[in-house]
Amino acid sequence: MTEAIDRLDPTSLARFDDIIDVRSPAEFAEDHIPGAISLPVLSDAERALVGTVYVQESRFKARRIGAALVARNIAVHLEGPLKDKPGGWTPLIYCWRGGQRSGAMATVLAQVGWRVTVVAGGYKTYRRRVTAALYDGEPPPPHLVLLDGYTGSAKTEILGRLSALAAQTLDLEGLASHRGSLFGAVAGMAQPSQKMFESRLLAALERLDPTRPIVVEAESSKIGQLMTPPVIWKAMANAPRVELAAPRAARIGYLLAAYGDIAADRDALAQALKALPGRHGAKRLAAWLAMAERGDVAALAEELVEIHYDPAYEVSSRRDQRPRLGTIAMDALNRADQEAAAVEIARLVGAASTVS
């Protein structure tokens, strides 16, 4: 038996044992419904072949070749990943537009005896929901509270400690696989596509209670190569903030530990330095590049914080008209200080929620 749905939300998706994406591996890699598994009925090369035949020869020949390839691939899935699925298994299947690829897979699985559902309109139906939520503001944007502070204030770690205290948090850097600054690339980890970032973001938001505040680290509109979607960016621009304050020496020490991977990669460090804004001048940039080449990362970190990051934050902070819920001073940035800060932030956010 095969059914079709066009309403995709956490409640409807939870009905299914597995969500199966039958598009090609490249389509899946660019973006997919979070939690979906990839069981392509055409490989990237096979999809390209069928498309070429369709354009250059005939629609009939392309469909015949495609049908043979799809049949073989479905057989491989039945004898492999699906071989141990029980009779009561309930899969949800989608392709690009909810057409031939998902229809072929659904027909075969239904003939086996499984209760199969397809997404009417396919991935495009899902993508419309992401766009509506993150670009059009349907439903209304979340109630955010910004965690702000000078560079090196351990904001990301404290955000994680807040989560452990059952406060609601949204880790944009984690979703973007990037630490947010020019030096924020994570070694060995590529950023997702913009669409995949948005899928991750919406899935994270839908796990949270929209009636309670959500703490998010203050970011620029761009995290690495990814743009923060407009609904979230607007909510951040209007959100109250909690500021972390720690001595510069403590912050430099924290940065040296947290960014040890890029400090050890002199080529990556040099490339990041070259991407700094041009206001520092060629002479200073050359001096910083020389420090990086010598491996003098402690002196480099000190100058970057003093000359680049702290002044930029001070200018931004003076212009910031958002309400400040409080400033949390830390003498150091060790575990105890971070945990104490997290407790105080949870209290401030809870108090703000009660007032609102």
Foldseek 3Di string as FASTA:
>chain_A
DEAEDLDDDPVVVVVAPAEEEQEEPVVVQQADQPRHDYQHLAYPVLVVVLVCCVVPPHPVVSVVSSVVSSVVSLVVCCVPVVVPPDLAHEYEYFYQQQDDNRVVNQVVVVVVRYYYYYYHGGVVSVLVVLCCVQAVCVPPFAAEEEEAEFQLLCSQVLLVLLVVVVAAEDELCVLQCFPAALLTHDPPDDGHHQNRSSSSRVVSVSVDDRLAYYYYYDHDQDRPNYGRRPSVVVSSLQHAYEYEAEDPVQSLVSCCVVSVPCLVVLVSVLVSLVPDDCPVDDVVSVVLNVCSVVSVVSVSSSCCSVPPGVVVVVVVVVPRPHHYLYYHYFHHNDPVRSNVVSVVVVVSSVVVSVVD
